[in-house]
């Protein structure tokens, strides 16, 4: 197994150590706290139980964010920001 060294501040080390359970290594703690890697397939159907109105609000918020991103990009390209 390849091993990597990670530098932690004393505060961060203490915080990580508080999460350590009996018999666990720090490697085990980090894996437990960060969860397992997920693929895009893990998210299939995640919104199926959302109420229609909430889903539409979410879609509008995404569209608005994209619109603002495009506008800001144009301003940056034109040197206005």
Protein backbone atom coordinates (compact mmCIF):
# COMPACT_ATOMS: atom_id res chain seq x y z
CA UNK A 1 0.00 0.00 0.00
CA UNK A 2 1.29 3.46 -0.91
CA UNK A 3 1.43 5.85 2.03
CA UNK A 4 1.13 9.64 1.87
CA UNK A 5 2.13 12.03 4.63
CA UNK A 6 -0.35 14.79 5.49
CA UNK A 7 0.54 17.81 7.62
CA UNK A 8 -2.11 18.93 10.12
CA UNK A 9 -2.10 21.82 12.52
CA UNK A 10 -2.28 20.83 16.20
CA UNK A 11 -5.90 22.06 16.32
CA UNK A 12 -6.91 20.00 13.29
CA UNK A 13 -5.11 16.93 14.65
CA UNK A 14 -6.96 17.30 17.97
CA UNK A 15 -10.29 17.62 16.17
CA UNK A 16 -9.59 14.52 14.09
CA UNK A 17 -8.43 12.62 17.15
CA UNK A 18 -11.75 13.38 18.91
CA UNK A 19 -13.53 11.50 16.11
CA UNK A 20 -11.28 8.45 16.46
CA UNK A 21 -13.02 5.39 17.86
CA UNK A 22 -11.40 2.52 19.75
CA UNK A 23 -9.44 0.30 17.38
CA UNK A 24 -9.61 2.77 14.47
CA UNK A 25 -6.62 4.13 12.63
CA UNK A 26 -6.58 7.73 11.42
CA UNK A 27 -7.00 6.31 7.93
CA UNK A 28 -10.22 4.64 9.10
CA UNK A 29 -11.45 7.91 10.64
CA UNK A 30 -10.87 9.92 7.47
CA UNK A 31 -12.62 7.28 5.34
CA UNK A 32 -15.59 7.17 7.73
CA UNK A 33 -15.94 10.95 7.92
CA UNK A 34 -15.61 11.54 4.18
CA UNK A 35 -17.97 8.76 3.13
CA UNK A 36 -17.66 6.42 0.21
CA UNK A 37 -17.01 7.75 -3.30
CA UNK A 38 -20.24 8.20 -5.27
CA UNK A 39 -20.91 7.99 -8.97
CA UNK A 40 -23.51 9.91 -10.96
CA UNK A 41 -25.61 6.74 -10.98
CA UNK A 42 -26.02 7.05 -7.20
CA UNK A 43 -28.16 10.14 -7.77
CA UNK A 44 -30.69 8.61 -10.18
CA UNK A 45 -34.19 9.28 -8.88
CA UNK A 46 -33.05 11.47 -5.99
CA UNK A 47 -35.66 14.15 -6.82
CA UNK A 48 -38.56 11.81 -7.59
CA UNK A 49 -40.35 12.58 -4.30
CA UNK A 50 -39.99 16.37 -4.49
CA UNK A 51 -43.26 18.26 -4.77
CA UNK A 52 -43.70 19.62 -8.32
CA UNK A 53 -43.77 23.25 -7.12
CA UNK A 54 -40.48 22.88 -5.24
CA UNK A 55 -38.84 21.24 -8.24
CA UNK A 56 -39.96 24.12 -10.49
CA UNK A 57 -38.50 26.66 -8.00
CA UNK A 58 -35.23 24.74 -8.12
CA UNK A 59 -35.23 24.78 -11.94
CA UNK A 60 -35.89 28.53 -11.96
CA UNK A 61 -33.07 29.14 -9.48
CA UNK A 62 -30.65 27.18 -11.67
CA UNK A 63 -31.75 29.07 -14.77
CA UNK A 64 -31.34 32.41 -12.96
CA UNK A 65 -27.85 31.44 -11.77
CA UNK A 66 -26.84 30.49 -15.29
CA UNK A 67 -28.21 33.77 -16.65
CA UNK A 68 -26.23 35.76 -14.09
CA UNK A 69 -23.08 33.76 -14.86
CA UNK A 70 -23.43 34.53 -18.58
CA UNK A 71 -23.97 38.25 -17.88
CA UNK A 72 -20.95 38.41 -15.57
CA UNK A 73 -18.79 36.55 -18.07
CA UNK A 74 -19.73 39.07 -20.76
CA UNK A 75 -18.96 41.98 -18.43
CA UNK A 76 -15.56 40.46 -17.60
CA UNK A 77 -14.77 39.89 -21.25
CA UNK A 78 -15.71 43.48 -22.05
CA UNK A 79 -13.55 44.76 -19.19
CA UNK A 80 -16.50 46.28 -17.31
CA UNK A 81 -15.79 44.46 -14.08
